[in-house]
Amino acid sequence: MGKVCKKFDDLADILPNKEAIRIKVVCFVYGSGYYRTTLHPYKLIFQLKTKIQVVINSAISNYGPSLTNLAEVCAHQHDYEYLVDVGLLTGISVEREYIREGKIIKMIIIEFTDASGKCECALFGHYVDELNKKMGKENEGLPVVIQFAKVKIFRDKTLIQNVINTTRIFVNPDIPEAEALKKGFVADSDFSKCTESSK
């Protein structure tokens, strides 16, 4: 408890004099009860892992991806509470359909690879159409970055899955990580796997 209180002390020390701070690893929860300190129904919970940093440049990027290495993703043995960003598509399954609650739902499995390993990602519903449309506009089709995906355990296997109305798909995004992924892919892989499996 003392360590968490120390974080509040740190925050109080830097807030009055700084324009912006960055807070990492916090929880947003629904705050109930009669004695709330704000009019909105949410509260922020600091944890032992919470980090507070002064931000020199106060410009906020527009949901810029922060790629997680796949070994870290696959190390989870339970559903993970935080959304992750991953990148470098190296394979696509055949599109499938299944019926859920009387509706036909599209699904594809895509494979991501990075220097640390591989992981599968399941895309459902309109995300299947979105990926196909975006990849159809690109000559190379790589890299693909999936942002705000959840880590799930399915049949004792760790995989990534889209979150309805949250997950974002980028094909060849204009970010430094994408260029690095392209260079690594060209050096280490054969693009034919991706193009053949998507036919």
C-alpha atoms as a PDB file:
ATOM      1  CA  MET A   1       0.000   0.000   0.000  1.00  0.00           C
ATOM      2  CA  GLY A   2       2.884   2.328   0.796  1.00  0.00           C
ATOM      3  CA  LYS A   3       4.286   2.039  -2.744  1.00  0.00           C
ATOM      4  CA  VAL A   4       0.942   2.967  -4.280  1.00  0.00           C
ATOM      5  CA  CYS A   5       0.646   5.976  -1.944  1.00  0.00           C
ATOM      6  CA  LYS A   6       4.155   7.018  -3.008  1.00  0.00           C
ATOM      7  CA  LYS A   7       2.905   7.183  -6.599  1.00  0.00           C
ATOM      8  CA  PHE A   8       0.232   9.662  -5.510  1.00  0.00           C
ATOM      9  CA  ASP A   9       2.956  11.732  -3.820  1.00  0.00           C
ATOM     10  CA  ASP A  10       5.009  11.667  -7.042  1.00  0.00           C
ATOM     11  CA  LEU A  11       1.978  12.759  -9.051  1.00  0.00           C
ATOM     12  CA  ALA A  12       1.247  15.641  -6.675  1.00  0.00           C
ATOM     13  CA  ASP A  13       4.876  16.756  -6.937  1.00  0.00           C
ATOM     14  CA  ILE A  14       4.947  17.019 -10.733  1.00  0.00           C
ATOM     15  CA  LEU A  15       1.397  18.048 -11.667  1.00  0.00           C
ATOM     16  CA  PRO A  16       1.406  21.724 -10.595  1.00  0.00           C
ATOM     17  CA  ASN A  17       4.480  22.617 -12.673  1.00  0.00           C
ATOM     18  CA  LYS A  18       4.093  20.471 -15.796  1.00  0.00           C
ATOM     19  CA  GLU A  19       1.842  20.761 -18.831  1.00  0.00           C
ATOM     20  CA  ALA A  20       1.518  17.039 -19.444  1.00  0.00           C
ATOM     21  CA  ILE A  21       2.369  13.697 -17.894  1.00  0.00           C
ATOM     22  CA  ARG A  22       2.194  10.138 -19.178  1.00  0.00           C
ATOM     23  CA  ILE A  23       0.650   7.475 -16.962  1.00  0.00           C
ATOM     24  CA  LYS A  24       1.187   3.823 -17.884  1.00  0.00           C
ATOM     25  CA  VAL A  25      -0.530   0.720 -16.496  1.00  0.00           C
ATOM     26  CA  VAL A  26      -3.628   1.985 -14.717  1.00  0.00           C
ATOM     27  CA  CYS A  27      -7.160   0.631 -14.480  1.00  0.00           C
ATOM     28  CA  PHE A  28     -10.350   2.512 -15.274  1.00  0.00           C
ATOM     29  CA  VAL A  29     -13.278   1.161 -13.273  1.00  0.00           C
ATOM     30  CA  TYR A  30     -16.877   2.109 -12.685  1.00  0.00           C
ATOM     31  CA  GLY A  31     -17.080   4.072  -9.441  1.00  0.00           C
ATOM     32  CA  SER A  32     -20.254   3.517  -7.454  1.00  0.00           C
ATOM     33  CA  GLY A  33     -21.475   4.805  -4.115  1.00  0.00           C
ATOM     34  CA  TYR A  34     -22.704   8.105  -2.725  1.00  0.00           C
ATOM     35  CA  TYR A  35     -19.408   9.824  -1.996  1.00  0.00           C
ATOM     36  CA  ARG A  36     -17.736  10.202  -5.381  1.00  0.00           C
ATOM     37  CA  THR A  37     -15.323  13.067  -5.917  1.00  0.00           C
ATOM     38  CA  THR A  38     -16.365  13.667  -9.546  1.00  0.00           C
ATOM     39  CA  LEU A  39     -19.628  13.899 -11.471  1.00  0.00           C
ATOM     40  CA  HIS A  40     -18.630  11.225 -13.996  1.00  0.00           C
ATOM     41  CA  PRO A  41     -18.985   7.557 -12.959  1.00  0.00           C
ATOM     42  CA  TYR A  42     -15.370   6.440 -13.475  1.00  0.00           C
ATOM     43  CA  LYS A  43     -12.233   6.271 -11.393  1.00  0.00           C
ATOM     44  CA  LEU A  44      -8.571   5.591 -12.033  1.00  0.00           C
ATOM     45  CA  ILE A  45      -6.770   2.926 -10.010  1.00  0.00           C
ATOM     46  CA  PHE A  46      -3.005   3.076  -9.590  1.00  0.00           C
ATOM     47  CA  GLN A  47      -1.124  -0.210  -9.272  1.00  0.00           C
ATOM     48  CA  LEU A  48       2.368  -1.223  -8.213  1.00  0.00           C
ATOM     49  CA  LYS A  49       3.251  -1.393 -11.942  1.00  0.00           C
ATOM     50  CA  THR A  50       1.948   2.136 -12.639  1.00  0.00           C
ATOM     51  CA  LYS A  51       4.557   4.488 -14.127  1.00  0.00           C
ATOM     52  CA  ILE A  52       4.317   8.294 -14.141  1.00  0.00           C
ATOM     53  CA  GLN A  53       6.542  10.303 -16.492  1.00  0.00           C
ATOM     54  CA  VAL A  54       6.821  13.961 -17.373  1.00  0.00           C
ATOM     55  CA  VAL A  55       6.142  14.500 -21.089  1.00  0.00           C
ATOM     56  CA  ILE A  56       8.395  17.091 -22.715  1.00  0.00           C
ATOM     57  CA  ASN A  57       6.316  17.238 -25.894  1.00  0.00           C
ATOM     58  CA  SER A  58       2.669  17.525 -24.869  1.00  0.00           C
ATOM     59  CA  ALA A  59       1.333  16.663 -28.348  1.00  0.00           C
ATOM     60  CA  ILE A  60      -0.803  13.533 -28.150  1.00  0.00           C
ATOM     61  CA  SER A  61      -0.468  11.066 -31.009  1.00  0.00           C
ATOM     62  CA  ASN A  62      -3.656   9.840 -32.645  1.00  0.00           C
ATOM     63  CA  TYR A  63      -3.794   6.364 -31.139  1.00  0.00           C
ATOM     64  CA  GLY A  64      -0.245   5.618 -32.250  1.00  0.00           C
ATOM     65  CA  PRO A  65       0.479   1.881 -32.093  1.00  0.00           C
ATOM     66  CA  SER A  66       2.833   0.496 -29.476  1.00  0.00           C
ATOM     67  CA  LEU A  67       3.760  -2.950 -30.785  1.00  0.00           C
ATOM     68  CA  THR A  68       4.021  -5.833 -28.319  1.00  0.00           C
ATOM     69  CA  ASN A  69       6.430  -8.658 -29.163  1.00  0.00           C
ATOM     70  CA  LEU A  70       4.673 -11.941 -29.869  1.00  0.00           C
ATOM     71  CA  ALA A  71       6.659 -13.970 -27.339  1.00  0.00           C
ATOM     72  CA  GLU A  72       5.211 -11.733 -24.640  1.00  0.00           C
ATOM     73  CA  VAL A  73       1.702 -12.189 -26.055  1.00  0.00           C
ATOM     74  CA  CYS A  74       2.037 -15.983 -26.227  1.00  0.00           C
ATOM     75  CA  ALA A  75       3.432 -16.178 -22.680  1.00  0.00           C
ATOM     76  CA  HIS A  76       0.009 -15.362 -21.207  1.00  0.00           C
ATOM     77  CA  GLN A  77      -1.749 -18.389 -19.740  1.00  0.00           C
ATOM     78  CA  HIS A  78      -5.036 -16.596 -19.028  1.00  0.00           C
ATOM     79  CA  ASP A  79      -7.134 -14.017 -20.864  1.00  0.00           C
ATOM     80  CA  TYR A  80      -5.171 -10.757 -20.606  1.00  0.00           C
ATOM     81  CA  GLU A  81      -6.971  -7.654 -19.327  1.00  0.00           C
ATOM     82  CA  TYR A  82      -5.096  -5.153 -21.523  1.00  0.00           C
ATOM     83  CA  LEU A  83      -5.443  -4.683 -25.281  1.00  0.00           C
ATOM     84  CA  VAL A  84      -2.313  -5.175 -27.400  1.00  0.00           C
ATOM     85  CA  ASP A  85      -0.944  -3.945 -30.740  1.00  0.00           C
ATOM     86  CA  VAL A  86       0.833  -6.466 -32.983  1.00  0.00           C
ATOM     87  CA  GLY A  87       2.321  -6.413 -36.454  1.00  0.00           C
ATOM     88  CA  LEU A  88       3.722  -8.312 -39.416  1.00  0.00           C
ATOM     89  CA  LEU A  89       1.243 -10.524 -41.164  1.00  0.00           C
ATOM     90  CA  THR A  90       2.828 -13.656 -42.651  1.00  0.00           C
ATOM     91  CA  GLY A  91      -0.178 -15.855 -43.392  1.00  0.00           C
ATOM     92  CA  ILE A  92      -3.943 -15.779 -43.957  1.00  0.00           C
ATOM     93  CA  SER A  93      -6.378 -18.676 -43.660  1.00  0.00           C
ATOM     94  CA  VAL A  94      -9.272 -19.361 -45.994  1.00  0.00           C
ATOM     95  CA  GLU A  95     -12.306 -17.262 -45.069  1.00  0.00           C
ATOM     96  CA  ARG A  96     -14.900 -19.234 -43.106  1.00  0.00           C
ATOM     97  CA  GLU A  97     -18.481 -18.661 -42.036  1.00  0.00           C
ATOM     98  CA  TYR A  98     -20.397 -19.893 -39.026  1.00  0.00           C
ATOM     99  CA  ILE A  99     -23.849 -19.273 -37.597  1.00  0.00           C
ATOM    100  CA  ARG A 100     -24.225 -17.496 -34.269  1.00  0.00           C
ATOM    101  CA  GLU A 101     -27.619 -16.544 -32.864  1.00  0.00           C
ATOM    102  CA  GLY A 102     -29.163 -17.066 -36.294  1.00  0.00           C
ATOM    103  CA  LYS A 103     -26.675 -14.784 -38.078  1.00  0.00           C
ATOM    104  CA  ILE A 104     -23.898 -15.747 -40.496  1.00  0.00           C
ATOM    105  CA  ILE A 105     -20.562 -14.489 -39.184  1.00  0.00           C
ATOM    106  CA  LYS A 106     -17.395 -14.318 -41.304  1.00  0.00           C
ATOM    107  CA  MET A 107     -14.071 -15.340 -39.793  1.00  0.00           C
ATOM    108  CA  ILE A 108     -10.433 -15.588 -40.856  1.00  0.00           C
ATOM    109  CA  ILE A 109      -7.289 -16.530 -38.982  1.00  0.00           C
ATOM    110  CA  ILE A 110      -4.189 -14.499 -39.739  1.00  0.00           C
ATOM    111  CA  GLU A 111      -0.685 -15.301 -38.591  1.00  0.00           C
ATOM    112  CA  PHE A 112       1.722 -12.719 -37.230  1.00  0.00           C
ATOM    113  CA  THR A 113       5.481 -13.224 -37.019  1.00  0.00           C
ATOM    114  CA  ASP A 114       8.214 -11.147 -35.445  1.00  0.00           C
ATOM    115  CA  ALA A 115      11.755 -11.808 -34.228  1.00  0.00           C
ATOM    116  CA  SER A 116      10.404 -13.359 -31.013  1.00  0.00           C
ATOM    117  CA  GLY A 117       7.936 -15.864 -32.513  1.00  0.00           C
ATOM    118  CA  LYS A 118       4.500 -16.385 -34.077  1.00  0.00           C
ATOM    119  CA  CYS A 119       0.898 -15.926 -33.001  1.00  0.00           C
ATOM    120  CA  GLU A 120      -2.499 -16.374 -34.627  1.00  0.00           C
ATOM    121  CA  CYS A 121      -5.156 -13.665 -34.707  1.00  0.00           C
ATOM    122  CA  ALA A 122      -8.873 -14.311 -35.265  1.00  0.00           C
ATOM    123  CA  LEU A 123     -10.871 -11.623 -37.055  1.00  0.00           C
ATOM    124  CA  PHE A 124     -14.668 -11.754 -37.082  1.00  0.00           C
ATOM    125  CA  GLY A 125     -17.528  -9.989 -38.840  1.00  0.00           C
ATOM    126  CA  HIS A 126     -16.856  -6.689 -40.601  1.00  0.00           C
ATOM    127  CA  TYR A 127     -13.153  -6.894 -39.678  1.00  0.00           C
ATOM    128  CA  VAL A 128     -12.785  -9.654 -42.301  1.00  0.00           C
ATOM    129  CA  ASP A 129     -14.166  -7.348 -45.006  1.00  0.00           C
ATOM    130  CA  GLU A 130     -12.080  -4.427 -43.746  1.00  0.00           C
ATOM    131  CA  LEU A 131      -8.834  -6.418 -43.940  1.00  0.00           C
ATOM    132  CA  ASN A 132      -9.634  -7.752 -47.427  1.00  0.00           C
ATOM    133  CA  LYS A 133     -10.517  -4.263 -48.670  1.00  0.00           C
ATOM    134  CA  LYS A 134      -7.391  -2.636 -47.248  1.00  0.00           C
ATOM    135  CA  MET A 135      -5.068  -5.384 -48.479  1.00  0.00           C
ATOM    136  CA  GLY A 136      -6.648  -5.211 -51.938  1.00  0.00           C
ATOM    137  CA  LYS A 137      -5.464  -1.602 -52.282  1.00  0.00           C
ATOM    138  CA  GLU A 138      -1.834  -2.443 -51.558  1.00  0.00           C
ATOM    139  CA  ASN A 139       0.644  -3.997 -53.955  1.00  0.00           C
ATOM    140  CA  GLU A 140       2.793  -5.424 -51.175  1.00  0.00           C
ATOM    141  CA  GLY A 141       0.147  -5.973 -48.513  1.00  0.00           C
ATOM    142  CA  LEU A 142       2.678  -5.795 -45.681  1.00  0.00           C
ATOM    143  CA  PRO A 143       3.008  -5.022 -42.895  1.00  0.00           C
ATOM    144  CA  VAL A 144      -0.399  -5.285 -41.297  1.00  0.00           C
ATOM    145  CA  VAL A 145      -0.738  -3.843 -37.803  1.00  0.00           C
ATOM    146  CA  ILE A 146      -3.657  -4.824 -35.589  1.00  0.00           C
ATOM    147  CA  GLN A 147      -4.271  -2.296 -32.828  1.00  0.00           C
ATOM    148  CA  PHE A 148      -6.371  -2.743 -29.682  1.00  0.00           C
ATOM    149  CA  ALA A 149      -6.766  -6.533 -29.871  1.00  0.00           C
ATOM    150  CA  LYS A 150      -7.461  -8.816 -26.937  1.00  0.00           C
ATOM    151  CA  VAL A 151      -5.363 -11.801 -25.889  1.00  0.00           C
ATOM    152  CA  LYS A 152      -7.531 -14.898 -25.417  1.00  0.00           C
ATOM    153  CA  ILE A 153      -6.935 -18.496 -24.399  1.00  0.00           C
ATOM    154  CA  PHE A 154      -8.885 -20.809 -26.710  1.00  0.00           C
ATOM    155  CA  ARG A 155      -8.547 -24.598 -26.453  1.00  0.00           C
ATOM    156  CA  ASP A 156      -5.389 -24.164 -24.333  1.00  0.00           C
ATOM    157  CA  LYS A 157      -3.810 -21.980 -27.007  1.00  0.00           C
ATOM    158  CA  THR A 158      -2.974 -18.273 -26.774  1.00  0.00           C
ATOM    159  CA  LEU A 159      -4.286 -16.188 -29.648  1.00  0.00           C
ATOM    160  CA  ILE A 160      -5.273 -12.624 -30.467  1.00  0.00           C
ATOM    161  CA  GLN A 161      -8.819 -11.585 -31.341  1.00  0.00           C
ATOM    162  CA  ASN A 162     -10.505  -8.402 -32.502  1.00  0.00           C
ATOM    163  CA  VAL A 163     -12.703  -6.394 -30.127  1.00  0.00           C
ATOM    164  CA  ILE A 164     -15.956  -5.212 -31.725  1.00  0.00           C
ATOM    165  CA  ASN A 165     -15.991  -1.443 -32.388  1.00  0.00           C
ATOM    166  CA  THR A 166     -12.504  -1.049 -30.873  1.00  0.00           C
ATOM    167  CA  THR A 167      -9.853  -2.931 -32.880  1.00  0.00           C
ATOM    168  CA  ARG A 168      -8.173  -1.000 -35.708  1.00  0.00           C
ATOM    169  CA  ILE A 169      -6.465  -2.463 -38.802  1.00  0.00           C
ATOM    170  CA  PHE A 170      -3.601  -0.708 -40.596  1.00  0.00           C
ATOM    171  CA  VAL A 171      -1.994  -1.966 -43.822  1.00  0.00           C
ATOM    172  CA  ASN A 172       1.412  -0.420 -44.531  1.00  0.00           C
ATOM    173  CA  PRO A 173       0.937   2.344 -41.940  1.00  0.00           C
ATOM    174  CA  ASP A 174       3.254   5.331 -42.126  1.00  0.00           C
ATOM    175  CA  ILE A 175       5.049   4.643 -38.843  1.00  0.00           C
ATOM    176  CA  PRO A 176       8.712   3.800 -38.094  1.00  0.00           C
ATOM    177  CA  GLU A 177       7.765   0.353 -36.773  1.00  0.00           C
ATOM    178  CA  ALA A 178       6.193  -0.524 -40.125  1.00  0.00           C
ATOM    179  CA  GLU A 179       9.393   0.297 -42.009  1.00  0.00           C
ATOM    180  CA  ALA A 180      11.403  -1.793 -39.541  1.00  0.00           C
ATOM    181  CA  LEU A 181       8.954  -4.684 -39.945  1.00  0.00           C
ATOM    182  CA  LYS A 182       9.209  -4.468 -43.742  1.00  0.00           C
ATOM    183  CA  LYS A 183      13.005  -4.568 -43.675  1.00  0.00           C
ATOM    184  CA  GLY A 184      13.030  -7.503 -41.261  1.00  0.00           C
ATOM    185  CA  PHE A 185      10.459  -9.351 -43.338  1.00  0.00           C
ATOM    186  CA  VAL A 186      12.298  -8.853 -46.625  1.00  0.00           C
ATOM    187  CA  ALA A 187      15.529 -10.038 -45.051  1.00  0.00           C
ATOM    188  CA  ASP A 188      14.137 -13.115 -43.294  1.00  0.00           C
ATOM    189  CA  SER A 189      10.992 -14.276 -45.108  1.00  0.00           C
ATOM    190  CA  ASP A 190       9.316 -15.142 -48.388  1.00  0.00           C
ATOM    191  CA  PHE A 191       6.214 -13.107 -49.234  1.00  0.00           C
ATOM    192  CA  SER A 192       4.807 -15.990 -51.305  1.00  0.00           C
ATOM    193  CA  LYS A 193       3.392 -17.630 -48.191  1.00  0.00           C
ATOM    194  CA  CYS A 194       1.137 -14.656 -47.561  1.00  0.00           C
ATOM    195  CA  THR A 195       0.009 -14.185 -51.151  1.00  0.00           C
ATOM    196  CA  GLU A 196      -0.638 -17.874 -51.799  1.00  0.00           C
ATOM    197  CA  SER A 197      -2.567 -18.465 -48.588  1.00  0.00           C
ATOM    198  CA  SER A 198      -4.821 -15.483 -49.259  1.00  0.00           C
ATOM    199  CA  LYS A 199      -6.006 -16.722 -52.660  1.00  0.00           C
END
